[in-house]
Amino acid sequence: MPLKLAEAKAVDVSTRNPGAIVIGADQVLMLGKKTYSKPHDITQCRDQLLELRGQTHALISGIVCAHRSKPVWSFSDRALLTMRKFSTAFLDSYLDAVGDDCTTSVGGYKIEGQGMQLFDKVEGNHFTILGLPLLALLNYLRHEGEILS
């Protein structure tokens, strides 16, 4: 699913910039068979984090490069994150601290900041967790001669 979303973004922008290699990226969160999107508000974020509490979920990041309105390269990666069994008092304190910023990421957290306190275990590439598998992208751009190798 994230590859389709990333491709749609990259191809759309590439149509308006035909000479450029355009990068599109997207990410989904999966808990079992349930897919999560960015929460719309703090209440939805709270409910989502309560569902994820004590569980292991997957963050799946997809990246697509498009050129002349066509996808020319894609990559997808997955990370597994286990939330700790935090108290509701901790969750309320966390949400008070981050405010509406919790609605800007698919998980309702930003692991590069205070969101790290929600976790017991993180397995996977840091850039995949952030939503952009950067090492794979850089390797592709070097291979294509777009950046120095």
C-alpha atoms as a PDB file:
ATOM      1  CA  MET A   1       0.000   0.000   0.000  1.00  0.00           C
ATOM      2  CA  PRO A   2       2.676   2.630   0.760  1.00  0.00           C
ATOM      3  CA  LEU A   3       4.307   1.980  -2.630  1.00  0.00           C
ATOM      4  CA  LYS A   4       1.056   2.807  -4.430  1.00  0.00           C
ATOM      5  CA  LEU A   5       0.662   6.012  -2.431  1.00  0.00           C
ATOM      6  CA  ALA A   6       4.313   6.971  -2.991  1.00  0.00           C
ATOM      7  CA  GLU A   7       4.014   6.239  -6.701  1.00  0.00           C
ATOM      8  CA  ALA A   8       0.901   8.391  -7.051  1.00  0.00           C
ATOM      9  CA  LYS A   9       2.706  11.307  -5.398  1.00  0.00           C
ATOM     10  CA  ALA A  10       5.891  10.924  -7.451  1.00  0.00           C
ATOM     11  CA  VAL A  11       4.113  10.504 -10.793  1.00  0.00           C
ATOM     12  CA  ASP A  12       1.824  13.473 -10.104  1.00  0.00           C
ATOM     13  CA  VAL A  13       4.729  15.817  -9.395  1.00  0.00           C
ATOM     14  CA  SER A  14       6.799  14.311 -12.226  1.00  0.00           C
ATOM     15  CA  THR A  15       4.046  15.210 -14.689  1.00  0.00           C
ATOM     16  CA  ARG A  16       4.627  18.865 -13.846  1.00  0.00           C
ATOM     17  CA  ASN A  17       8.443  18.486 -13.752  1.00  0.00           C
ATOM     18  CA  PRO A  18       9.296  16.170 -16.669  1.00  0.00           C
ATOM     19  CA  GLY A  19      13.067  16.688 -16.573  1.00  0.00           C
ATOM     20  CA  ALA A  20      13.461  15.872 -12.892  1.00  0.00           C
ATOM     21  CA  ILE A  21      13.699  12.650 -10.962  1.00  0.00           C
ATOM     22  CA  VAL A  22      10.899  13.062  -8.454  1.00  0.00           C
ATOM     23  CA  ILE A  23      10.864  11.232  -5.131  1.00  0.00           C
ATOM     24  CA  GLY A  24       7.585  10.153  -3.520  1.00  0.00           C
ATOM     25  CA  ALA A  25       7.323   8.448  -0.171  1.00  0.00           C
ATOM     26  CA  ASP A  26       4.585   7.212   2.110  1.00  0.00           C
ATOM     27  CA  GLN A  27       4.124   5.055   5.156  1.00  0.00           C
ATOM     28  CA  VAL A  28       1.441   2.905   6.740  1.00  0.00           C
ATOM     29  CA  LEU A  29       1.129   1.411  10.197  1.00  0.00           C
ATOM     30  CA  MET A  30      -0.193  -2.121  10.562  1.00  0.00           C
ATOM     31  CA  LEU A  31      -1.349  -3.822  13.740  1.00  0.00           C
ATOM     32  CA  GLY A  32      -2.322  -7.311  12.694  1.00  0.00           C
ATOM     33  CA  LYS A  33      -4.579  -6.799   9.674  1.00  0.00           C
ATOM     34  CA  LYS A  34      -5.674  -3.305  10.693  1.00  0.00           C
ATOM     35  CA  THR A  35      -4.152  -0.357   8.841  1.00  0.00           C
ATOM     36  CA  TYR A  36      -3.829   3.014  10.551  1.00  0.00           C
ATOM     37  CA  SER A  37      -3.715   6.481   9.031  1.00  0.00           C
ATOM     38  CA  LYS A  38      -2.641   9.736  10.621  1.00  0.00           C
ATOM     39  CA  PRO A  39      -5.017  10.559  13.475  1.00  0.00           C
ATOM     40  CA  HIS A  40      -7.319  13.518  12.754  1.00  0.00           C
ATOM     41  CA  ASP A  41      -7.195  14.976  16.268  1.00  0.00           C
ATOM     42  CA  ILE A  42      -5.793  14.380  19.739  1.00  0.00           C
ATOM     43  CA  THR A  43      -8.788  12.252  20.764  1.00  0.00           C
ATOM     44  CA  GLN A  44      -8.268   9.884  17.834  1.00  0.00           C
ATOM     45  CA  CYS A  45      -4.526   9.853  18.571  1.00  0.00           C
ATOM     46  CA  ARG A  46      -5.207   8.888  22.197  1.00  0.00           C
ATOM     47  CA  ASP A  47      -7.538   6.064  21.114  1.00  0.00           C
ATOM     48  CA  GLN A  48      -4.969   4.814  18.593  1.00  0.00           C
ATOM     49  CA  LEU A  49      -2.119   4.841  21.099  1.00  0.00           C
ATOM     50  CA  LEU A  50      -4.281   2.928  23.576  1.00  0.00           C
ATOM     51  CA  GLU A  51      -4.869   0.276  20.891  1.00  0.00           C
ATOM     52  CA  LEU A  52      -1.131   0.067  20.194  1.00  0.00           C
ATOM     53  CA  ARG A  53      -0.143  -0.019  23.896  1.00  0.00           C
ATOM     54  CA  GLY A  54       1.622  -3.272  24.784  1.00  0.00           C
ATOM     55  CA  GLN A  55       1.503  -4.426  21.146  1.00  0.00           C
ATOM     56  CA  THR A  56       4.023  -4.861  18.345  1.00  0.00           C
ATOM     57  CA  HIS A  57       3.108  -3.030  15.154  1.00  0.00           C
ATOM     58  CA  ALA A  58       4.763  -2.623  11.779  1.00  0.00           C
ATOM     59  CA  LEU A  59       5.688   0.607  10.049  1.00  0.00           C
ATOM     60  CA  ILE A  60       5.958   0.002   6.313  1.00  0.00           C
ATOM     61  CA  SER A  61       7.634   2.735   4.291  1.00  0.00           C
ATOM     62  CA  GLY A  62       7.597   2.938   0.519  1.00  0.00           C
ATOM     63  CA  ILE A  63       9.578   5.163  -1.782  1.00  0.00           C
ATOM     64  CA  VAL A  64       9.258   5.639  -5.544  1.00  0.00           C
ATOM     65  CA  CYS A  65      11.280   7.689  -8.006  1.00  0.00           C
ATOM     66  CA  ALA A  66       9.488   8.869 -11.130  1.00  0.00           C
ATOM     67  CA  HIS A  67      10.877  10.416 -14.315  1.00  0.00           C
ATOM     68  CA  ARG A  68       8.841  11.770 -17.211  1.00  0.00           C
ATOM     69  CA  SER A  69       5.577  10.750 -15.494  1.00  0.00           C
ATOM     70  CA  LYS A  70       6.625   7.116 -15.049  1.00  0.00           C
ATOM     71  CA  PRO A  71       7.900   5.235 -12.003  1.00  0.00           C
ATOM     72  CA  VAL A  72      11.519   4.181 -12.570  1.00  0.00           C
ATOM     73  CA  TRP A  73      12.503   2.777  -9.171  1.00  0.00           C
ATOM     74  CA  SER A  74      10.816   1.677  -5.959  1.00  0.00           C
ATOM     75  CA  PHE A  75      11.743   0.315  -2.570  1.00  0.00           C
ATOM     76  CA  SER A  76       9.793  -0.766   0.503  1.00  0.00           C
ATOM     77  CA  ASP A  77      10.976  -1.636   3.978  1.00  0.00           C
ATOM     78  CA  ARG A  78       9.376  -2.614   7.270  1.00  0.00           C
ATOM     79  CA  ALA A  79      10.238  -1.940  10.899  1.00  0.00           C
ATOM     80  CA  LEU A  80       8.686  -3.544  13.969  1.00  0.00           C
ATOM     81  CA  LEU A  81       7.993  -1.448  17.037  1.00  0.00           C
ATOM     82  CA  THR A  82       6.774  -2.688  20.409  1.00  0.00           C
ATOM     83  CA  MET A  83       5.016  -0.196  22.648  1.00  0.00           C
ATOM     84  CA  ARG A  84       5.378  -0.562  26.351  1.00  0.00           C
ATOM     85  CA  LYS A  85       2.377  -0.922  28.647  1.00  0.00           C
ATOM     86  CA  PHE A  86       2.343   2.739  29.673  1.00  0.00           C
ATOM     87  CA  SER A  87      -0.216   4.129  32.094  1.00  0.00           C
ATOM     88  CA  THR A  88      -3.101   6.320  30.984  1.00  0.00           C
ATOM     89  CA  ALA A  89      -1.618   9.062  33.198  1.00  0.00           C
ATOM     90  CA  PHE A  90       1.621   8.842  31.181  1.00  0.00           C
ATOM     91  CA  LEU A  91      -0.337   8.912  27.912  1.00  0.00           C
ATOM     92  CA  ASP A  92      -2.287  12.006  28.972  1.00  0.00           C
ATOM     93  CA  SER A  93       0.954  13.720  30.017  1.00  0.00           C
ATOM     94  CA  TYR A  94       2.573  12.792  26.695  1.00  0.00           C
ATOM     95  CA  LEU A  95      -0.365  14.124  24.675  1.00  0.00           C
ATOM     96  CA  ASP A  96      -0.416  17.343  26.712  1.00  0.00           C
ATOM     97  CA  ALA A  97       3.268  17.803  25.900  1.00  0.00           C
ATOM     98  CA  VAL A  98       3.073  17.074  22.146  1.00  0.00           C
ATOM     99  CA  GLY A  99      -0.373  18.526  21.462  1.00  0.00           C
ATOM    100  CA  ASP A 100      -1.585  18.558  17.862  1.00  0.00           C
ATOM    101  CA  ASP A 101       1.860  17.412  16.695  1.00  0.00           C
ATOM    102  CA  CYS A 102       0.611  13.864  17.352  1.00  0.00           C
ATOM    103  CA  THR A 103      -1.568  14.206  14.230  1.00  0.00           C
ATOM    104  CA  THR A 104       1.390  14.682  11.881  1.00  0.00           C
ATOM    105  CA  SER A 105       2.599  11.069  11.860  1.00  0.00           C
ATOM    106  CA  VAL A 106       0.854   7.805  11.073  1.00  0.00           C
ATOM    107  CA  GLY A 107       1.558   6.340  14.504  1.00  0.00           C
ATOM    108  CA  GLY A 108       0.503   9.384  16.479  1.00  0.00           C
ATOM    109  CA  TYR A 109       4.061   9.637  17.759  1.00  0.00           C
ATOM    110  CA  LYS A 110       7.396  10.940  16.603  1.00  0.00           C
ATOM    111  CA  ILE A 111      10.026   8.471  17.655  1.00  0.00           C
ATOM    112  CA  GLU A 112      12.778  11.038  17.076  1.00  0.00           C
ATOM    113  CA  GLY A 113      11.400  13.068  20.007  1.00  0.00           C
ATOM    114  CA  GLN A 114       9.253  12.433  23.058  1.00  0.00           C
ATOM    115  CA  GLY A 115       7.505   9.574  21.275  1.00  0.00           C
ATOM    116  CA  MET A 116      10.508   7.336  21.975  1.00  0.00           C
ATOM    117  CA  GLN A 117       9.247   7.057  25.560  1.00  0.00           C
ATOM    118  CA  LEU A 118       6.300   4.994  24.313  1.00  0.00           C
ATOM    119  CA  PHE A 119       8.466   2.029  23.291  1.00  0.00           C
ATOM    120  CA  ASP A 120      10.096  -1.041  24.787  1.00  0.00           C
ATOM    121  CA  LYS A 121      11.640  -2.356  21.582  1.00  0.00           C
ATOM    122  CA  VAL A 122      12.400  -1.048  18.105  1.00  0.00           C
ATOM    123  CA  GLU A 123      13.600  -3.305  15.280  1.00  0.00           C
ATOM    124  CA  GLY A 124      14.449  -1.913  11.887  1.00  0.00           C
ATOM    125  CA  ASN A 125      16.155   0.837  10.006  1.00  0.00           C
ATOM    126  CA  HIS A 126      15.855   4.264  11.618  1.00  0.00           C
ATOM    127  CA  PHE A 127      15.133   5.950   8.283  1.00  0.00           C
ATOM    128  CA  THR A 128      12.369   3.445   7.535  1.00  0.00           C
ATOM    129  CA  ILE A 129      10.777   4.353  10.862  1.00  0.00           C
ATOM    130  CA  LEU A 130      10.979   8.044   9.955  1.00  0.00           C
ATOM    131  CA  GLY A 131       9.195   7.271   6.668  1.00  0.00           C
ATOM    132  CA  LEU A 132      12.006   7.609   4.122  1.00  0.00           C
ATOM    133  CA  PRO A 133      14.324   4.617   3.513  1.00  0.00           C
ATOM    134  CA  LEU A 134      17.202   6.982   2.854  1.00  0.00           C
ATOM    135  CA  LEU A 135      20.079   4.531   2.402  1.00  0.00           C
ATOM    136  CA  ALA A 136      18.289   2.677  -0.396  1.00  0.00           C
ATOM    137  CA  LEU A 137      17.393   5.987  -2.063  1.00  0.00           C
ATOM    138  CA  LEU A 138      20.975   7.254  -1.893  1.00  0.00           C
ATOM    139  CA  ASN A 139      22.244   3.990  -3.397  1.00  0.00           C
ATOM    140  CA  TYR A 140      19.784   4.341  -6.284  1.00  0.00           C
ATOM    141  CA  LEU A 141      20.732   7.982  -6.917  1.00  0.00           C
ATOM    142  CA  ARG A 142      24.447   7.059  -6.915  1.00  0.00           C
ATOM    143  CA  HIS A 143      23.810   4.188  -9.329  1.00  0.00           C
ATOM    144  CA  GLU A 144      21.990   6.553 -11.678  1.00  0.00           C
ATOM    145  CA  GLY A 145      24.752   9.160 -11.472  1.00  0.00           C
ATOM    146  CA  GLU A 146      22.469  11.730  -9.851  1.00  0.00           C
ATOM    147  CA  ILE A 147      24.835  12.096  -6.899  1.00  0.00           C
ATOM    148  CA  LEU A 148      28.536  11.317  -6.623  1.00  0.00           C
ATOM    149  CA  SER A 149      29.514   7.805  -5.695  1.00  0.00           C
END
